[in-house]
Structures are given as structure tokens and as C-alpha cells.
Amino acid sequence: MEAIAKARFQKISVRKARVIVNLIRGQNAAQALEMLRFTRKAAAPIVFKLLDSAISNARAKDQALDLDSLKVTTAFADKAPDRFMRRWRPRAQGRATRITKGMSHITIVVGN
């Protein structure tokens, strides 16, 4: 039995999110939560809340689920469209260039 949790349009770059997602992929869910609690990276609180949500989704699907047997089976971070965070920076000769802030979609799947 699998449970999915998605965090879409998170204001963190994909590169930073993938460092944390790669850290917990394949881990036991309880150990991954403890690891994220003490990790000092910008994406750690976002992924912590997402993993907690995935565990809650699994518990909602099956009340008799053994939570100690849950593992992070799949975890990945994809690039989200940057259209919501547009900024402009002045350039030479009256031009302007767009500054795009990084956004990402993070998905975590927990299962037995």
C-alpha cells in the first residue's frame, strides 16, 4: 500500500530540494523524519512537513498500518514554472532582463 504527498510551487530551487530528497530516498520513514529534523538545509523543513503528510495519508488509508514498516519508496523534486516570481533588473542601453526565482514541485511516496 502506498501513499503520496505532493508539495507544489514551493519557493526553493530544485537544486537545493534535490539534495534533501536524495538524502531520504529509500530510508525508513521514522529515520528520515529524525534525519530531516536535524538537517540544516533550507529545504529540510519543507520536506519534513511533506514526509509527515505522506505518513498521515498512509495512516488515513489504512488504520491497521504498521508505521515502523513504512519506507520512502519514491522521492523526487521537479522544476516548477517560474511565472509567479518574476523580477526585472535594469541592463545597459535601456534594456531590462527578467530574474526568475526558483520554484519546485516535490513528491514523496511512502509504502511498505
N, C-alpha and C. Protein backbone atom coordinates (compact mmCIF):
# COMPACT_ATOMS: atom_id res chain seq x y z
N MET A 1 0.83 -1.17 0.00
CA MET A 1 0.00 0.00 0.00
C MET A 1 0.89 1.24 0.00
N GLU A 2 0.58 2.17 -0.88
CA GLU A 2 1.39 3.37 -1.00
C GLU A 2 0.55 4.60 -0.73
N ALA A 3 1.19 5.64 -0.22
CA ALA A 3 0.55 6.92 0.00
C ALA A 3 1.44 8.01 -0.58
N ILE A 4 0.81 8.97 -1.23
CA ILE A 4 1.55 10.02 -1.94
C ILE A 4 1.27 11.37 -1.28
N ALA A 5 2.30 12.21 -1.24
CA ALA A 5 2.13 13.60 -0.81
C ALA A 5 2.92 14.47 -1.77
N LYS A 6 2.31 15.58 -2.20
CA LYS A 6 2.95 16.49 -3.14
C LYS A 6 2.95 17.90 -2.56
N ALA A 7 4.06 18.58 -2.74
CA ALA A 7 4.15 20.00 -2.40
C ALA A 7 4.47 20.72 -3.70
N ARG A 8 3.52 21.49 -4.18
CA ARG A 8 3.69 22.14 -5.47
C ARG A 8 3.97 23.62 -5.28
N PHE A 9 4.73 24.18 -6.20
CA PHE A 9 5.09 25.60 -6.23
C PHE A 9 5.77 26.05 -4.95
N GLN A 10 6.71 25.26 -4.47
CA GLN A 10 7.48 25.62 -3.28
C GLN A 10 8.58 26.60 -3.68
N LYS A 11 8.77 27.62 -2.88
CA LYS A 11 9.73 28.66 -3.24
C LYS A 11 11.14 28.26 -2.79
N ILE A 12 11.64 27.24 -3.45
CA ILE A 12 13.01 26.80 -3.24
C ILE A 12 13.50 26.23 -4.57
N SER A 13 14.76 26.43 -4.84
CA SER A 13 15.28 25.96 -6.12
C SER A 13 15.32 24.43 -6.14
N VAL A 14 15.23 23.89 -7.32
CA VAL A 14 15.20 22.43 -7.48
C VAL A 14 16.52 21.83 -7.02
N ARG A 15 17.60 22.53 -7.27
CA ARG A 15 18.92 22.02 -6.90
C ARG A 15 19.05 21.85 -5.38
N LYS A 16 18.51 22.80 -4.63
CA LYS A 16 18.56 22.70 -3.17
C LYS A 16 17.62 21.62 -2.66
N ALA A 17 16.47 21.49 -3.29
CA ALA A 17 15.49 20.49 -2.84
C ALA A 17 15.98 19.08 -3.13
N ARG A 18 16.67 18.89 -4.26
CA ARG A 18 17.12 17.54 -4.62
C ARG A 18 18.18 17.02 -3.67
N VAL A 19 18.96 17.88 -3.06
CA VAL A 19 19.96 17.44 -2.08
C VAL A 19 19.27 16.73 -0.91
N ILE A 20 18.20 17.32 -0.42
CA ILE A 20 17.48 16.75 0.72
C ILE A 20 16.66 15.53 0.31
N VAL A 21 16.04 15.59 -0.85
CA VAL A 21 15.22 14.47 -1.32
C VAL A 21 16.09 13.24 -1.55
N ASN A 22 17.28 13.44 -2.09
CA ASN A 22 18.19 12.31 -2.30
C ASN A 22 18.67 11.72 -0.97
N LEU A 23 18.68 12.55 0.07
CA LEU A 23 19.13 12.10 1.39
C LEU A 23 18.16 11.10 2.01
N ILE A 24 16.85 11.29 1.76
CA ILE A 24 15.87 10.43 2.44
C ILE A 24 15.33 9.30 1.57
N ARG A 25 15.62 9.30 0.29
CA ARG A 25 15.08 8.26 -0.60
C ARG A 25 15.58 6.89 -0.17
N GLY A 26 14.65 5.94 0.00
CA GLY A 26 14.99 4.58 0.39
C GLY A 26 15.12 4.36 1.89
N GLN A 27 15.00 5.41 2.68
CA GLN A 27 15.15 5.30 4.14
C GLN A 27 13.83 4.85 4.78
N ASN A 28 13.94 4.38 5.99
CA ASN A 28 12.78 4.14 6.82
C ASN A 28 12.15 5.50 7.12
N ALA A 29 10.82 5.58 7.17
CA ALA A 29 10.14 6.87 7.30
C ALA A 29 10.45 7.54 8.64
N ALA A 30 10.52 6.77 9.71
CA ALA A 30 10.81 7.35 11.03
C ALA A 30 12.25 7.86 11.08
N GLN A 31 13.18 7.11 10.52
CA GLN A 31 14.57 7.56 10.49
C GLN A 31 14.73 8.79 9.60
N ALA A 32 13.98 8.85 8.51
CA ALA A 32 14.05 10.01 7.62
C ALA A 32 13.53 11.26 8.31
N LEU A 33 12.46 11.12 9.11
CA LEU A 33 11.95 12.27 9.87
C LEU A 33 12.98 12.78 10.86
N GLU A 34 13.64 11.87 11.57
CA GLU A 34 14.67 12.29 12.52
C GLU A 34 15.85 12.94 11.81
N MET A 35 16.21 12.40 10.66
CA MET A 35 17.32 12.97 9.90
C MET A 35 16.98 14.39 9.44
N LEU A 36 15.75 14.57 8.98
CA LEU A 36 15.33 15.89 8.50
C LEU A 36 15.21 16.90 9.63
N ARG A 37 14.85 16.43 10.81
CA ARG A 37 14.70 17.34 11.94
C ARG A 37 16.01 18.03 12.29
N PHE A 38 17.14 17.35 12.09
CA PHE A 38 18.43 17.91 12.48
C PHE A 38 19.29 18.33 11.29
N THR A 39 18.73 18.32 10.09
CA THR A 39 19.47 18.75 8.91
C THR A 39 19.33 20.25 8.76
N ARG A 40 20.46 20.93 8.60
CA ARG A 40 20.45 22.39 8.50
C ARG A 40 20.57 22.83 7.04
N LYS A 41 19.54 22.56 6.29
CA LYS A 41 19.45 22.99 4.90
C LYS A 41 18.10 23.69 4.73
N ALA A 42 18.01 24.54 3.71
CA ALA A 42 16.80 25.33 3.52
C ALA A 42 15.60 24.46 3.15
N ALA A 43 15.82 23.36 2.47
CA ALA A 43 14.71 22.51 2.03
C ALA A 43 14.26 21.52 3.10
N ALA A 44 15.01 21.36 4.17
CA ALA A 44 14.70 20.35 5.18
C ALA A 44 13.33 20.55 5.84
N PRO A 45 12.95 21.77 6.25
CA PRO A 45 11.61 21.92 6.85
C PRO A 45 10.48 21.64 5.88
N ILE A 46 10.66 21.98 4.61
CA ILE A 46 9.62 21.73 3.61
C ILE A 46 9.44 20.23 3.40
N VAL A 47 10.55 19.51 3.26
CA VAL A 47 10.48 18.06 3.03
C VAL A 47 10.02 17.34 4.29
N PHE A 48 10.35 17.88 5.47
CA PHE A 48 9.89 17.29 6.73
C PHE A 48 8.37 17.32 6.80
N LYS A 49 7.77 18.48 6.51
CA LYS A 49 6.31 18.60 6.54
C LYS A 49 5.66 17.72 5.49
N LEU A 50 6.31 17.60 4.33
CA LEU A 50 5.76 16.77 3.27
C LEU A 50 5.81 15.29 3.63
N LEU A 51 6.90 14.85 4.22
CA LEU A 51 7.01 13.45 4.65
C LEU A 51 6.02 13.14 5.76
N ASP A 52 5.82 14.08 6.67
CA ASP A 52 4.83 13.90 7.73
C ASP A 52 3.42 13.79 7.14
N SER A 53 3.16 14.57 6.10
CA SER A 53 1.87 14.49 5.42
C SER A 53 1.69 13.16 4.72
N ALA A 54 2.75 12.65 4.10
CA ALA A 54 2.66 11.35 3.43
C ALA A 54 2.40 10.23 4.44
N ILE A 55 3.01 10.31 5.60
CA ILE A 55 2.76 9.31 6.65
C ILE A 55 1.32 9.40 7.13
N SER A 56 0.81 10.61 7.28
CA SER A 56 -0.59 10.79 7.68
C SER A 56 -1.55 10.27 6.63
N ASN A 57 -1.20 10.46 5.36
CA ASN A 57 -2.04 9.93 4.28
C ASN A 57 -2.07 8.41 4.31
N ALA A 58 -0.92 7.80 4.61
CA ALA A 58 -0.88 6.34 4.71
C ALA A 58 -1.72 5.84 5.89
N ARG A 59 -1.67 6.58 6.98
CA ARG A 59 -2.46 6.20 8.16
C ARG A 59 -3.95 6.36 7.87
N ALA A 60 -4.32 7.36 7.09
CA ALA A 60 -5.73 7.58 6.75
C ALA A 60 -6.26 6.48 5.82
N LYS A 61 -5.40 5.95 4.96
CA LYS A 61 -5.82 4.88 4.05
C LYS A 61 -6.05 3.58 4.79
N ASP A 62 -5.18 3.28 5.75
CA ASP A 62 -5.26 2.00 6.46
C ASP A 62 -4.95 2.23 7.93
N GLN A 63 -5.97 2.06 8.79
CA GLN A 63 -5.78 2.30 10.22
C GLN A 63 -4.89 1.26 10.87
N ALA A 64 -4.87 0.04 10.34
CA ALA A 64 -4.08 -1.04 10.93
C ALA A 64 -2.66 -1.10 10.37
N LEU A 65 -2.20 -0.02 9.77
CA LEU A 65 -0.88 0.00 9.15
C LEU A 65 0.21 0.08 10.21
N ASP A 66 1.25 -0.73 10.03
CA ASP A 66 2.40 -0.67 10.93
C ASP A 66 3.31 0.46 10.45
N LEU A 67 3.37 1.53 11.24
CA LEU A 67 4.12 2.71 10.82
C LEU A 67 5.63 2.49 10.84
N ASP A 68 6.10 1.50 11.61
CA ASP A 68 7.54 1.22 11.63
C ASP A 68 8.02 0.56 10.35
N SER A 69 7.09 -0.02 9.59
CA SER A 69 7.49 -0.69 8.35
C SER A 69 7.45 0.24 7.14
N LEU A 70 7.01 1.47 7.32
CA LEU A 70 6.93 2.41 6.19
C LEU A 70 8.32 2.83 5.74
N LYS A 71 8.49 2.88 4.43
CA LYS A 71 9.74 3.35 3.83
C LYS A 71 9.42 4.41 2.79
N VAL A 72 10.38 5.28 2.54
CA VAL A 72 10.25 6.27 1.48
C VAL A 72 10.64 5.55 0.19
N THR A 73 9.65 5.14 -0.58
CA THR A 73 9.93 4.36 -1.78
C THR A 73 10.36 5.25 -2.93
N THR A 74 9.68 6.38 -3.11
CA THR A 74 9.99 7.29 -4.20
C THR A 74 9.99 8.71 -3.66
N ALA A 75 10.98 9.48 -4.08
CA ALA A 75 11.04 10.90 -3.70
C ALA A 75 11.78 11.64 -4.81
N PHE A 76 11.17 12.70 -5.30
CA PHE A 76 11.83 13.48 -6.34
C PHE A 76 11.36 14.92 -6.30
N ALA A 77 12.17 15.79 -6.89
CA ALA A 77 11.86 17.21 -7.00
C ALA A 77 11.99 17.62 -8.46
N ASP A 78 10.95 18.26 -8.98
CA ASP A 78 10.94 18.72 -10.36
C ASP A 78 10.83 20.24 -10.40
N LYS A 79 11.20 20.80 -11.53
CA LYS A 79 11.15 22.24 -11.69
C LYS A 79 9.71 22.69 -11.93
N ALA A 80 9.32 23.74 -11.22
CA ALA A 80 8.00 24.33 -11.40
C ALA A 80 8.12 25.56 -12.30
N PRO A 81 7.05 25.97 -12.94
CA PRO A 81 7.13 27.18 -13.75
C PRO A 81 7.42 28.40 -12.90
N ASP A 82 8.24 29.29 -13.42
CA ASP A 82 8.67 30.46 -12.66
C ASP A 82 7.78 31.67 -12.90
N ARG A 83 6.64 31.48 -13.47
CA ARG A 83 5.84 32.63 -13.88
C ARG A 83 5.30 33.44 -12.71
N PHE A 84 5.26 32.88 -11.52
CA PHE A 84 4.70 33.59 -10.38
C PHE A 84 5.71 34.47 -9.67
N MET A 85 6.98 34.30 -9.96
CA MET A 85 8.01 35.05 -9.25
C MET A 85 8.87 35.85 -10.22
N ARG A 86 8.27 36.72 -11.00
CA ARG A 86 9.04 37.48 -11.99
C ARG A 86 9.61 38.74 -11.36
N ARG A 87 10.85 39.02 -11.70
CA ARG A 87 11.51 40.26 -11.29
C ARG A 87 12.25 40.80 -12.51
N TRP A 88 12.46 42.12 -12.55
CA TRP A 88 13.16 42.75 -13.66
C TRP A 88 14.39 43.46 -13.14
N ARG A 89 15.48 43.36 -13.86
CA ARG A 89 16.73 44.02 -13.49
C ARG A 89 17.17 44.92 -14.64
N PRO A 90 17.50 46.17 -14.35
CA PRO A 90 17.94 47.06 -15.42
C PRO A 90 19.28 46.62 -16.00
N ARG A 91 19.40 46.81 -17.31
CA ARG A 91 20.62 46.47 -18.02
C ARG A 91 21.07 47.65 -18.86
N ALA A 92 22.15 47.45 -19.57
CA ALA A 92 22.74 48.52 -20.35
C ALA A 92 21.83 48.94 -21.51
N GLN A 93 21.93 50.18 -21.92
CA GLN A 93 21.25 50.76 -23.07
C GLN A 93 19.73 50.69 -22.94
N GLY A 94 19.23 50.88 -21.75
CA GLY A 94 17.78 50.95 -21.53
C GLY A 94 17.05 49.63 -21.57
N ARG A 95 17.77 48.54 -21.57
CA ARG A 95 17.13 47.23 -21.61
C ARG A 95 16.86 46.73 -20.19
N ALA A 96 16.09 45.68 -20.11
CA ALA A 96 15.82 45.02 -18.83
C ALA A 96 15.82 43.52 -19.06
N THR A 97 16.31 42.77 -18.08
CA THR A 97 16.27 41.31 -18.17
C THR A 97 15.47 40.78 -16.99
N ARG A 98 14.82 39.67 -17.22
CA ARG A 98 13.98 39.08 -16.19
C ARG A 98 14.80 38.23 -15.23
N ILE A 99 14.53 38.36 -13.96
CA ILE A 99 15.13 37.50 -12.94
C ILE A 99 14.06 36.50 -12.52
N THR A 100 14.36 35.23 -12.64
CA THR A 100 13.39 34.21 -12.25
C THR A 100 13.86 33.56 -10.96
N LYS A 101 12.97 33.48 -10.03
CA LYS A 101 13.25 32.83 -8.77
C LYS A 101 12.90 31.35 -8.91
N GLY A 102 13.69 30.48 -8.29
CA GLY A 102 13.48 29.05 -8.42
C GLY A 102 12.26 28.58 -7.66
N MET A 103 11.49 27.72 -8.30
CA MET A 103 10.36 27.08 -7.65
C MET A 103 10.38 25.60 -8.02
N SER A 104 9.81 24.78 -7.15
CA SER A 104 9.88 23.34 -7.41
C SER A 104 8.61 22.62 -6.96
N HIS A 105 8.37 21.47 -7.59
CA HIS A 105 7.34 20.54 -7.18
C HIS A 105 8.06 19.36 -6.52
N ILE A 106 7.70 19.04 -5.29
CA ILE A 106 8.34 17.95 -4.56
C ILE A 106 7.29 16.87 -4.31
N THR A 107 7.65 15.61 -4.60
CA THR A 107 6.73 14.49 -4.43
C THR A 107 7.40 13.41 -3.60
N ILE A 108 6.67 12.87 -2.63
CA ILE A 108 7.18 11.78 -1.79
C ILE A 108 6.12 10.67 -1.76
N VAL A 109 6.56 9.44 -1.96
CA VAL A 109 5.70 8.27 -1.90
C VAL A 109 6.24 7.36 -0.81
N VAL A 110 5.39 7.01 0.14
CA VAL A 110 5.78 6.07 1.20
C VAL A 110 5.00 4.78 1.01
N GLY A 111 5.63 3.67 1.33
CA GLY A 111 4.97 2.36 1.20
C GLY A 111 5.73 1.33 2.02
N ASN A 112 5.27 0.09 1.94
CA ASN A 112 5.89 -0.99 2.71
C ASN A 112 7.10 -1.53 2.02
